[in-house]
Amino acid sequence: MTAAVATPTAKPTKAGPKRSKGAPLLGLVAWIVGILFFLPVAWMVLTAFHSEQDAATNPPSLAAPLTLDGFREFFGATSGASPWPPLINSAMASIVSTLIVLALAIPAAYALSIRPVRKWTDVMFFFLSTKMLPAVAGLLPIYLIAQKAGMLDNVWTLVILYTSMNLPIAVWMMRSFLAEVPVEILEAAAIDGAGLITVLRRVIVPVAMPGIAATSLICFIFSWNEMLFARVLTGVVAQTAPVFLTSFVTSQGLFLAKVCAAATAISLPVLAAGFAAQDKLVQGLSLGAVK
């Protein structure tokens, strides 16, 4: 009588994620594209620390001595013109308009995604159609309205304009973010007796915080960089930072290093805001990318 010998069976191994053969090439292309986009910014920052004579050489010299003369000129140490009022005006117009946009866009996106209204696609197209008109086409009517209302050279005029300009894109972005909110959370909140305001404040906002951060940063950047309406509708009192930057461009003398220094200083608030919110920005912009 022979005993049967059981042979151990090999356990199935879990296959790891397959790496595409073209992944290294795509990564290299992404790095090359990123460097190409970053080169003009790096060149601007480097030129800001050069003297006007070194910045005007052709080709420019990378080994030229560094100096802070351009930043002294920008901050009024030699020119006498202070940049702080324009910077404060830009900050006020950008921050206040962004807060108003979020206060209006979140309920609108809630109605268009979680509690969709009838013909919501037509509503979204209407929001998008408001961005199809070139800004210069509405410049004269807006100027005449501001003139009749006595709102020329007033920072609150820019707040109203920036709010109306950024609201459509904010509603579009927030709708895509709120569409990712699990319905089960809202149903649980409704069972607990939470009202609309409570749901928005304690459920929607915490869950969609990455999307809110991404939307607010984009609206802030658009408002901070806007110059067309600020150039036409403001003068001295409500002058913004981009308008102040153009004062360094003259028809006489060298101004390249001064402009680069001014542009670098004006870009710092946007860079600081993006760096502070980079984690939530990446999360917000990637919402809905992977199901």
C-alpha atoms as a PDB file:
ATOM      1  CA  MET A   1       0.000   0.000   0.000  1.00  0.00           C
ATOM      2  CA  THR A   2       1.554   3.216  -1.055  1.00  0.00           C
ATOM      3  CA  ALA A   3       0.787   6.547   0.554  1.00  0.00           C
ATOM      4  CA  ALA A   4      -0.052   9.431  -1.651  1.00  0.00           C
ATOM      5  CA  VAL A   5       2.362  12.259  -1.330  1.00  0.00           C
ATOM      6  CA  ALA A   6       0.780  15.672  -1.595  1.00  0.00           C
ATOM      7  CA  THR A   7       2.791  18.092  -3.618  1.00  0.00           C
ATOM      8  CA  PRO A   8       2.643  21.688  -2.439  1.00  0.00           C
ATOM      9  CA  THR A   9       0.936  23.987  -4.855  1.00  0.00           C
ATOM     10  CA  ALA A  10       2.579  27.281  -5.642  1.00  0.00           C
ATOM     11  CA  LYS A  11       0.683  30.304  -4.364  1.00  0.00           C
ATOM     12  CA  PRO A  12      -0.375  32.718  -7.045  1.00  0.00           C
ATOM     13  CA  THR A  13       1.725  35.809  -6.999  1.00  0.00           C
ATOM     14  CA  LYS A  14       0.119  39.179  -7.313  1.00  0.00           C
ATOM     15  CA  ALA A  15       1.391  40.919 -10.382  1.00  0.00           C
ATOM     16  CA  GLY A  16       2.538  44.437  -9.800  1.00  0.00           C
ATOM     17  CA  PRO A  17       1.485  47.363 -11.964  1.00  0.00           C
ATOM     18  CA  LYS A  18       2.948  47.104 -15.405  1.00  0.00           C
ATOM     19  CA  ARG A  19       5.257  49.930 -16.317  1.00  0.00           C
ATOM     20  CA  SER A  20       4.802  51.234 -19.783  1.00  0.00           C
ATOM     21  CA  LYS A  21       7.888  51.118 -21.974  1.00  0.00           C
ATOM     22  CA  GLY A  22       7.295  54.690 -23.046  1.00  0.00           C
ATOM     23  CA  ALA A  23       7.027  56.061 -19.481  1.00  0.00           C
ATOM     24  CA  PRO A  24      10.688  57.183 -19.254  1.00  0.00           C
ATOM     25  CA  LEU A  25      10.397  58.952 -22.602  1.00  0.00           C
ATOM     26  CA  LEU A  26       7.194  60.718 -21.535  1.00  0.00           C
ATOM     27  CA  GLY A  27       8.854  61.730 -18.283  1.00  0.00           C
ATOM     28  CA  LEU A  28      11.805  63.171 -20.194  1.00  0.00           C
ATOM     29  CA  VAL A  29       9.474  65.114 -22.490  1.00  0.00           C
ATOM     30  CA  ALA A  30       7.587  66.451 -19.459  1.00  0.00           C
ATOM     31  CA  TRP A  31      10.844  67.646 -17.891  1.00  0.00           C
ATOM     32  CA  ILE A  32      11.926  69.320 -21.126  1.00  0.00           C
ATOM     33  CA  VAL A  33       8.593  71.124 -21.495  1.00  0.00           C
ATOM     34  CA  GLY A  34       8.676  72.200 -17.838  1.00  0.00           C
ATOM     35  CA  ILE A  35      12.206  73.577 -18.201  1.00  0.00           C
ATOM     36  CA  LEU A  36      11.234  75.465 -21.371  1.00  0.00           C
ATOM     37  CA  PHE A  37       8.349  77.114 -19.518  1.00  0.00           C
ATOM     38  CA  PHE A  38      10.561  77.929 -16.536  1.00  0.00           C
ATOM     39  CA  LEU A  39      13.500  79.375 -18.497  1.00  0.00           C
ATOM     40  CA  PRO A  40      11.926  82.812 -19.182  1.00  0.00           C
ATOM     41  CA  VAL A  41      11.041  83.162 -15.494  1.00  0.00           C
ATOM     42  CA  ALA A  42      14.553  82.169 -14.418  1.00  0.00           C
ATOM     43  CA  TRP A  43      16.025  84.606 -16.969  1.00  0.00           C
ATOM     44  CA  MET A  44      13.800  87.405 -15.653  1.00  0.00           C
ATOM     45  CA  VAL A  45      14.907  86.774 -12.068  1.00  0.00           C
ATOM     46  CA  LEU A  46      18.577  86.645 -13.087  1.00  0.00           C
ATOM     47  CA  THR A  47      18.292  89.871 -15.096  1.00  0.00           C
ATOM     48  CA  ALA A  48      16.668  91.575 -12.103  1.00  0.00           C
ATOM     49  CA  PHE A  49      19.954  91.222 -10.190  1.00  0.00           C
ATOM     50  CA  HIS A  50      22.085  92.733 -12.966  1.00  0.00           C
ATOM     51  CA  SER A  51      22.907  96.340 -13.679  1.00  0.00           C
ATOM     52  CA  GLU A  52      21.307  98.066 -16.638  1.00  0.00           C
ATOM     53  CA  GLN A  53      24.549  97.974 -18.625  1.00  0.00           C
ATOM     54  CA  ASP A  54      25.013  94.238 -18.076  1.00  0.00           C
ATOM     55  CA  ALA A  55      21.354  93.489 -18.767  1.00  0.00           C
ATOM     56  CA  ALA A  56      21.513  95.365 -22.090  1.00  0.00           C
ATOM     57  CA  THR A  57      24.515  93.465 -23.467  1.00  0.00           C
ATOM     58  CA  ASN A  58      23.904  91.179 -26.443  1.00  0.00           C
ATOM     59  CA  PRO A  59      24.312  88.339 -25.747  1.00  0.00           C
ATOM     60  CA  PRO A  60      23.700  88.819 -22.012  1.00  0.00           C
ATOM     61  CA  SER A  61      26.492  87.787 -19.694  1.00  0.00           C
ATOM     62  CA  LEU A  62      25.712  85.147 -17.072  1.00  0.00           C
ATOM     63  CA  ALA A  63      28.897  85.976 -15.161  1.00  0.00           C
ATOM     64  CA  ALA A  64      28.013  89.657 -14.720  1.00  0.00           C
ATOM     65  CA  PRO A  65      28.217  90.976 -11.136  1.00  0.00           C
ATOM     66  CA  LEU A  66      24.968  90.932  -9.187  1.00  0.00           C
ATOM     67  CA  THR A  67      23.383  94.048  -7.738  1.00  0.00           C
ATOM     68  CA  LEU A  68      20.175  95.155  -6.011  1.00  0.00           C
ATOM     69  CA  ASP A  69      19.884  98.448  -7.870  1.00  0.00           C
ATOM     70  CA  GLY A  70      16.774  97.303  -9.762  1.00  0.00           C
ATOM     71  CA  PHE A  71      14.953  96.448  -6.534  1.00  0.00           C
ATOM     72  CA  ARG A  72      16.020  99.723  -4.919  1.00  0.00           C
ATOM     73  CA  GLU A  73      14.561 101.520  -7.926  1.00  0.00           C
ATOM     74  CA  PHE A  74      11.321  99.567  -7.628  1.00  0.00           C
ATOM     75  CA  PHE A  75      10.835 100.169  -3.920  1.00  0.00           C
ATOM     76  CA  GLY A  76      11.397 103.884  -4.375  1.00  0.00           C
ATOM     77  CA  ALA A  77      14.835 104.238  -2.838  1.00  0.00           C
ATOM     78  CA  THR A  78      16.084 106.196  -5.866  1.00  0.00           C
ATOM     79  CA  SER A  79      12.968 107.031  -7.891  1.00  0.00           C
ATOM     80  CA  GLY A  80      10.825 108.316  -5.010  1.00  0.00           C
ATOM     81  CA  ALA A  81       7.710 106.458  -6.237  1.00  0.00           C
ATOM     82  CA  SER A  82       6.461 103.983  -3.625  1.00  0.00           C
ATOM     83  CA  PRO A  83       5.007 100.683  -4.898  1.00  0.00           C
ATOM     84  CA  TRP A  84       3.084  99.969  -1.709  1.00  0.00           C
ATOM     85  CA  PRO A  85      -0.185 101.767  -2.611  1.00  0.00           C
ATOM     86  CA  PRO A  86      -0.460  99.879  -5.949  1.00  0.00           C
ATOM     87  CA  LEU A  87       0.411  96.600  -4.226  1.00  0.00           C
ATOM     88  CA  ILE A  88      -2.226  97.203  -1.551  1.00  0.00           C
ATOM     89  CA  ASN A  89      -4.805  98.054  -4.223  1.00  0.00           C
ATOM     90  CA  SER A  90      -4.009  94.861  -6.124  1.00  0.00           C
ATOM     91  CA  ALA A  91      -4.193  92.785  -2.961  1.00  0.00           C
ATOM     92  CA  MET A  92      -7.492  94.325  -1.926  1.00  0.00           C
ATOM     93  CA  ALA A  93      -9.119  93.960  -5.346  1.00  0.00           C
ATOM     94  CA  SER A  94      -7.857  90.390  -5.785  1.00  0.00           C
ATOM     95  CA  ILE A  95      -8.637  89.055  -2.306  1.00  0.00           C
ATOM     96  CA  VAL A  96     -12.043  90.689  -1.894  1.00  0.00           C
ATOM     97  CA  SER A  97     -13.206  89.712  -5.392  1.00  0.00           C
ATOM     98  CA  THR A  98     -12.005  86.132  -4.856  1.00  0.00           C
ATOM     99  CA  LEU A  99     -13.939  85.847  -1.588  1.00  0.00           C
ATOM    100  CA  ILE A 100     -17.089  87.180  -3.246  1.00  0.00           C
ATOM    101  CA  VAL A 101     -16.637  84.791  -6.166  1.00  0.00           C
ATOM    102  CA  LEU A 102     -16.370  81.804  -3.811  1.00  0.00           C
ATOM    103  CA  ALA A 103     -19.423  82.936  -1.832  1.00  0.00           C
ATOM    104  CA  LEU A 104     -21.444  83.022  -5.067  1.00  0.00           C
ATOM    105  CA  ALA A 105     -19.876  80.113  -6.952  1.00  0.00           C
ATOM    106  CA  ILE A 106     -20.208  77.418  -4.262  1.00  0.00           C
ATOM    107  CA  PRO A 107     -24.030  77.661  -3.922  1.00  0.00           C
ATOM    108  CA  ALA A 108     -24.386  77.956  -7.712  1.00  0.00           C
ATOM    109  CA  ALA A 109     -22.203  74.887  -8.263  1.00  0.00           C
ATOM    110  CA  TYR A 110     -24.179  73.028  -5.591  1.00  0.00           C
ATOM    111  CA  ALA A 111     -27.398  73.736  -7.482  1.00  0.00           C
ATOM    112  CA  LEU A 112     -25.857  72.648 -10.787  1.00  0.00           C
ATOM    113  CA  SER A 113     -24.182  69.428  -9.598  1.00  0.00           C
ATOM    114  CA  ILE A 114     -25.591  67.958  -6.387  1.00  0.00           C
ATOM    115  CA  ARG A 115     -29.115  69.356  -6.720  1.00  0.00           C
ATOM    116  CA  PRO A 116     -29.253  69.947 -10.485  1.00  0.00           C
ATOM    117  CA  VAL A 117     -31.797  72.445 -11.738  1.00  0.00           C
ATOM    118  CA  ARG A 118     -33.770  71.965 -14.928  1.00  0.00           C
ATOM    119  CA  LYS A 119     -31.769  72.498 -18.134  1.00  0.00           C
ATOM    120  CA  TRP A 120     -28.577  72.889 -16.151  1.00  0.00           C
ATOM    121  CA  THR A 121     -26.534  72.374 -19.316  1.00  0.00           C
ATOM    122  CA  ASP A 122     -28.077  75.541 -20.766  1.00  0.00           C
ATOM    123  CA  VAL A 123     -27.147  77.378 -17.591  1.00  0.00           C
ATOM    124  CA  MET A 124     -23.545  76.192 -17.856  1.00  0.00           C
ATOM    125  CA  PHE A 125     -23.380  77.252 -21.493  1.00  0.00           C
ATOM    126  CA  PHE A 126     -24.686  80.680 -20.530  1.00  0.00           C
ATOM    127  CA  PHE A 127     -21.892  81.020 -17.964  1.00  0.00           C
ATOM    128  CA  LEU A 128     -19.353  79.974 -20.578  1.00  0.00           C
ATOM    129  CA  SER A 129     -20.765  82.322 -23.216  1.00  0.00           C
ATOM    130  CA  THR A 130     -20.017  85.334 -21.010  1.00  0.00           C
ATOM    131  CA  LYS A 131     -16.300  84.599 -21.488  1.00  0.00           C
ATOM    132  CA  MET A 132     -16.576  84.623 -25.303  1.00  0.00           C
ATOM    133  CA  LEU A 133     -16.810  88.420 -25.550  1.00  0.00           C
ATOM    134  CA  PRO A 134     -13.384  90.050 -25.880  1.00  0.00           C
ATOM    135  CA  ALA A 135     -12.615  92.226 -22.895  1.00  0.00           C
ATOM    136  CA  VAL A 136     -11.754  95.202 -25.084  1.00  0.00           C
ATOM    137  CA  ALA A 137     -15.251  95.078 -26.641  1.00  0.00           C
ATOM    138  CA  GLY A 138     -16.838  95.958 -23.307  1.00  0.00           C
ATOM    139  CA  LEU A 139     -14.200  98.458 -22.267  1.00  0.00           C
ATOM    140  CA  LEU A 140     -15.949 101.614 -23.531  1.00  0.00           C
ATOM    141  CA  PRO A 141     -19.422 100.805 -22.082  1.00  0.00           C
ATOM    142  CA  ILE A 142     -17.894  99.908 -18.733  1.00  0.00           C
ATOM    143  CA  TYR A 143     -15.842 103.108 -18.744  1.00  0.00           C
ATOM    144  CA  LEU A 144     -18.941 105.225 -19.475  1.00  0.00           C
ATOM    145  CA  ILE A 145     -20.951 103.472 -16.750  1.00  0.00           C
ATOM    146  CA  ALA A 146     -18.156 103.977 -14.225  1.00  0.00           C
ATOM    147  CA  GLN A 147     -17.849 107.616 -15.271  1.00  0.00           C
ATOM    148  CA  LYS A 148     -21.580 108.295 -14.865  1.00  0.00           C
ATOM    149  CA  ALA A 149     -21.575 106.527 -11.481  1.00  0.00           C
ATOM    150  CA  GLY A 150     -18.544 108.448 -10.268  1.00  0.00           C
ATOM    151  CA  MET A 151     -16.584 105.208  -9.806  1.00  0.00           C
ATOM    152  CA  LEU A 152     -13.493 106.019 -11.874  1.00  0.00           C
ATOM    153  CA  ASP A 153     -10.184 105.586 -10.039  1.00  0.00           C
ATOM    154  CA  ASN A 154     -11.953 103.522  -7.371  1.00  0.00           C
ATOM    155  CA  VAL A 155     -10.704 100.141  -6.207  1.00  0.00           C
ATOM    156  CA  TRP A 156     -14.273  98.923  -5.643  1.00  0.00           C
ATOM    157  CA  THR A 157     -14.898  99.243  -9.367  1.00  0.00           C
ATOM    158  CA  LEU A 158     -12.148  96.696  -9.916  1.00  0.00           C
ATOM    159  CA  VAL A 159     -13.641  94.437  -7.234  1.00  0.00           C
ATOM    160  CA  ILE A 160     -16.965  94.388  -9.082  1.00  0.00           C
ATOM    161  CA  LEU A 161     -15.302  93.801 -12.455  1.00  0.00           C
ATOM    162  CA  TYR A 162     -13.002  91.037 -11.227  1.00  0.00           C
ATOM    163  CA  THR A 163     -15.930  89.314  -9.519  1.00  0.00           C
ATOM    164  CA  SER A 164     -17.989  89.309 -12.701  1.00  0.00           C
ATOM    165  CA  MET A 165     -15.005  88.207 -14.799  1.00  0.00           C
ATOM    166  CA  ASN A 166     -14.000  85.265 -12.576  1.00  0.00           C
ATOM    167  CA  LEU A 167     -17.453  84.041 -11.533  1.00  0.00           C
ATOM    168  CA  PRO A 168     -18.178  81.980 -14.706  1.00  0.00           C
ATOM    169  CA  ILE A 169     -14.905  80.040 -14.594  1.00  0.00           C
ATOM    170  CA  ALA A 170     -15.302  79.562 -10.838  1.00  0.00           C
ATOM    171  CA  VAL A 171     -18.788  78.064 -11.280  1.00  0.00           C
ATOM    172  CA  TRP A 172     -17.490  75.713 -13.969  1.00  0.00           C
ATOM    173  CA  MET A 173     -14.605  74.556 -11.803  1.00  0.00           C
ATOM    174  CA  MET A 174     -16.604  74.218  -8.609  1.00  0.00           C
ATOM    175  CA  ARG A 175     -19.296  72.213 -10.363  1.00  0.00           C
ATOM    176  CA  SER A 176     -16.763  69.601 -11.462  1.00  0.00           C
ATOM    177  CA  PHE A 177     -15.344  69.476  -7.935  1.00  0.00           C
ATOM    178  CA  LEU A 178     -18.711  69.210  -6.165  1.00  0.00           C
ATOM    179  CA  ALA A 179     -19.797  66.478  -8.563  1.00  0.00           C
ATOM    180  CA  GLU A 180     -17.180  64.261  -6.852  1.00  0.00           C
ATOM    181  CA  VAL A 181     -18.729  64.688  -3.392  1.00  0.00           C
ATOM    182  CA  PRO A 182     -20.267  61.338  -2.279  1.00  0.00           C
ATOM    183  CA  VAL A 183     -24.038  61.494  -2.234  1.00  0.00           C
ATOM    184  CA  GLU A 184     -24.116  59.232   0.848  1.00  0.00           C
ATOM    185  CA  ILE A 185     -22.581  62.004   2.962  1.00  0.00           C
ATOM    186  CA  LEU A 186     -25.299  64.427   1.915  1.00  0.00           C
ATOM    187  CA  GLU A 187     -28.009  61.862   2.569  1.00  0.00           C
ATOM    188  CA  ALA A 188     -26.622  61.210   6.049  1.00  0.00           C
ATOM    189  CA  ALA A 189     -26.575  64.944   6.755  1.00  0.00           C
ATOM    190  CA  ALA A 190     -30.180  65.248   5.539  1.00  0.00           C
ATOM    191  CA  ILE A 191     -31.249  62.386   7.832  1.00  0.00           C
ATOM    192  CA  ASP A 192     -29.626  64.203  10.767  1.00  0.00           C
ATOM    193  CA  GLY A 193     -31.767  67.234   9.935  1.00  0.00           C
ATOM    194  CA  ALA A 194     -29.036  69.507   8.561  1.00  0.00           C
ATOM    195  CA  GLY A 195     -30.271  72.449   6.529  1.00  0.00           C
ATOM    196  CA  LEU A 196     -28.798  73.824   3.316  1.00  0.00           C
ATOM    197  CA  ILE A 197     -26.510  76.326   5.043  1.00  0.00           C
ATOM    198  CA  THR A 198     -25.266  73.675   7.469  1.00  0.00           C
ATOM    199  CA  VAL A 199     -24.634  71.210   4.628  1.00  0.00           C
ATOM    200  CA  LEU A 200     -22.678  73.804   2.682  1.00  0.00           C
ATOM    201  CA  ARG A 201     -20.633  74.941   5.670  1.00  0.00           C
ATOM    202  CA  ARG A 202     -19.940  71.652   7.458  1.00  0.00           C
ATOM    203  CA  VAL A 203     -20.128  69.048   4.705  1.00  0.00           C
ATOM    204  CA  ILE A 204     -19.532  70.517   1.249  1.00  0.00           C
ATOM    205  CA  VAL A 205     -16.772  72.990   2.101  1.00  0.00           C
ATOM    206  CA  PRO A 206     -14.528  70.561   4.084  1.00  0.00           C
ATOM    207  CA  VAL A 207     -14.879  67.783   1.488  1.00  0.00           C
ATOM    208  CA  ALA A 208     -14.330  70.098  -1.501  1.00  0.00           C
ATOM    209  CA  MET A 209     -11.563  72.161   0.134  1.00  0.00           C
ATOM    210  CA  PRO A 210      -8.905  71.122  -2.444  1.00  0.00           C
ATOM    211  CA  GLY A 211     -11.199  72.259  -5.258  1.00  0.00           C
ATOM    212  CA  ILE A 212     -11.995  75.490  -3.431  1.00  0.00           C
ATOM    213  CA  ALA A 213      -8.270  76.154  -2.976  1.00  0.00           C
ATOM    214  CA  ALA A 214      -7.589  75.554  -6.664  1.00  0.00           C
ATOM    215  CA  THR A 215     -10.481  77.785  -7.729  1.00  0.00           C
ATOM    216  CA  SER A 216      -9.563  80.594  -5.361  1.00  0.00           C
ATOM    217  CA  LEU A 217      -5.916  80.542  -6.432  1.00  0.00           C
ATOM    218  CA  ILE A 218      -6.815  80.735 -10.127  1.00  0.00           C
ATOM    219  CA  CYS A 219      -9.266  83.595  -9.491  1.00  0.00           C
ATOM    220  CA  PHE A 220      -6.630  85.389  -7.416  1.00  0.00           C
ATOM    221  CA  ILE A 221      -4.037  85.031 -10.172  1.00  0.00           C
ATOM    222  CA  PHE A 222      -6.444  86.284 -12.848  1.00  0.00           C
ATOM    223  CA  SER A 223      -7.352  89.303 -10.715  1.00  0.00           C
ATOM    224  CA  TRP A 224      -3.764  90.084  -9.714  1.00  0.00           C
ATOM    225  CA  ASN A 225      -2.490  89.958 -13.310  1.00  0.00           C
ATOM    226  CA  GLU A 226      -5.350  91.907 -14.941  1.00  0.00           C
ATOM    227  CA  MET A 227      -4.144  95.184 -16.434  1.00  0.00           C
ATOM    228  CA  LEU A 228      -6.494  96.290 -19.247  1.00  0.00           C
ATOM    229  CA  PHE A 229      -9.394  97.512 -17.104  1.00  0.00           C
ATOM    230  CA  ALA A 230      -7.066  98.663 -14.323  1.00  0.00           C
ATOM    231  CA  ARG A 231      -5.126 100.760 -16.834  1.00  0.00           C
ATOM    232  CA  VAL A 232      -8.231 102.477 -18.230  1.00  0.00           C
ATOM    233  CA  LEU A 233     -10.436 102.775 -15.127  1.00  0.00           C
ATOM    234  CA  THR A 234      -7.836 103.807 -12.546  1.00  0.00           C
ATOM    235  CA  GLY A 235      -5.496 106.731 -12.203  1.00  0.00           C
ATOM    236  CA  VAL A 236      -3.450 107.488  -9.100  1.00  0.00           C
ATOM    237  CA  VAL A 237      -5.629 106.490  -6.138  1.00  0.00           C
ATOM    238  CA  ALA A 238      -6.639 102.997  -7.310  1.00  0.00           C
ATOM    239  CA  GLN A 239      -3.595 102.199  -9.432  1.00  0.00           C
ATOM    240  CA  THR A 240      -2.698  98.492  -9.299  1.00  0.00           C
ATOM    241  CA  ALA A 241       0.680  96.778  -9.343  1.00  0.00           C
ATOM    242  CA  PRO A 242       0.642  95.776 -13.067  1.00  0.00           C
ATOM    243  CA  VAL A 243      -0.179  99.366 -14.023  1.00  0.00           C
ATOM    244  CA  PHE A 244       2.606 100.622 -11.776  1.00  0.00           C
ATOM    245  CA  LEU A 245       4.947  98.176 -13.511  1.00  0.00           C
ATOM    246  CA  THR A 246       4.405  99.884 -16.870  1.00  0.00           C
ATOM    247  CA  SER A 247       5.767 103.145 -15.482  1.00  0.00           C
ATOM    248  CA  PHE A 248       9.269 101.634 -15.625  1.00  0.00           C
ATOM    249  CA  VAL A 249       9.080 101.351 -19.425  1.00  0.00           C
ATOM    250  CA  THR A 250      10.352 104.610 -20.889  1.00  0.00           C
ATOM    251  CA  SER A 251      11.490 105.762 -24.302  1.00  0.00           C
ATOM    252  CA  GLN A 252      14.751 107.098 -22.928  1.00  0.00           C
ATOM    253  CA  GLY A 253      17.534 105.238 -21.180  1.00  0.00           C
ATOM    254  CA  LEU A 254      17.856 101.603 -20.143  1.00  0.00           C
ATOM    255  CA  PHE A 255      15.066  99.976 -18.171  1.00  0.00           C
ATOM    256  CA  LEU A 256      15.347  96.191 -18.681  1.00  0.00           C
ATOM    257  CA  ALA A 257      16.813  95.396 -15.259  1.00  0.00           C
ATOM    258  CA  LYS A 258      14.323  97.700 -13.518  1.00  0.00           C
ATOM    259  CA  VAL A 259      11.367  96.057 -15.272  1.00  0.00           C
ATOM    260  CA  CYS A 260      12.641  92.578 -14.447  1.00  0.00           C
ATOM    261  CA  ALA A 261      13.137  93.545 -10.805  1.00  0.00           C
ATOM    262  CA  ALA A 262       9.655  95.055 -10.628  1.00  0.00           C
ATOM    263  CA  ALA A 263       8.106  92.015 -12.329  1.00  0.00           C
ATOM    264  CA  THR A 264       9.925  89.687  -9.927  1.00  0.00           C
ATOM    265  CA  ALA A 265       8.722  91.620  -6.887  1.00  0.00           C
ATOM    266  CA  ILE A 266       5.131  91.785  -8.162  1.00  0.00           C
ATOM    267  CA  SER A 267       5.135  88.046  -8.892  1.00  0.00           C
ATOM    268  CA  LEU A 268       6.155  87.109  -5.353  1.00  0.00           C
ATOM    269  CA  PRO A 269       2.635  87.269  -3.788  1.00  0.00           C
ATOM    270  CA  VAL A 270       1.252  84.921  -6.447  1.00  0.00           C
ATOM    271  CA  LEU A 271       4.195  82.550  -6.055  1.00  0.00           C
ATOM    272  CA  ALA A 272       3.810  82.609  -2.272  1.00  0.00           C
ATOM    273  CA  ALA A 273       0.088  81.850  -2.510  1.00  0.00           C
ATOM    274  CA  GLY A 274       0.721  79.003  -4.936  1.00  0.00           C
ATOM    275  CA  PHE A 275       3.482  77.553  -2.748  1.00  0.00           C
ATOM    276  CA  ALA A 276       1.320  77.736   0.379  1.00  0.00           C
ATOM    277  CA  ALA A 277      -1.607  75.984  -1.318  1.00  0.00           C
ATOM    278  CA  GLN A 278       0.359  73.605  -3.543  1.00  0.00           C
ATOM    279  CA  ASP A 279      -0.888  70.417  -1.850  1.00  0.00           C
ATOM    280  CA  LYS A 280      -4.547  71.337  -2.073  1.00  0.00           C
ATOM    281  CA  LEU A 281      -3.990  72.798  -5.534  1.00  0.00           C
ATOM    282  CA  VAL A 282      -2.689  69.482  -6.883  1.00  0.00           C
ATOM    283  CA  GLN A 283      -5.520  67.582  -5.200  1.00  0.00           C
ATOM    284  CA  GLY A 284      -8.125  69.982  -6.504  1.00  0.00           C
ATOM    285  CA  LEU A 285      -6.884  70.005 -10.097  1.00  0.00           C
ATOM    286  CA  SER A 286      -6.728  66.182 -10.092  1.00  0.00           C
ATOM    287  CA  LEU A 287     -10.296  65.663  -8.810  1.00  0.00           C
ATOM    288  CA  GLY A 288     -12.281  63.644 -11.283  1.00  0.00           C
ATOM    289  CA  ALA A 289      -9.190  62.633 -13.254  1.00  0.00           C
ATOM    290  CA  VAL A 290      -9.364  59.012 -11.990  1.00  0.00           C
ATOM    291  CA  LYS A 291     -12.628  57.289 -11.329  1.00  0.00           C
END
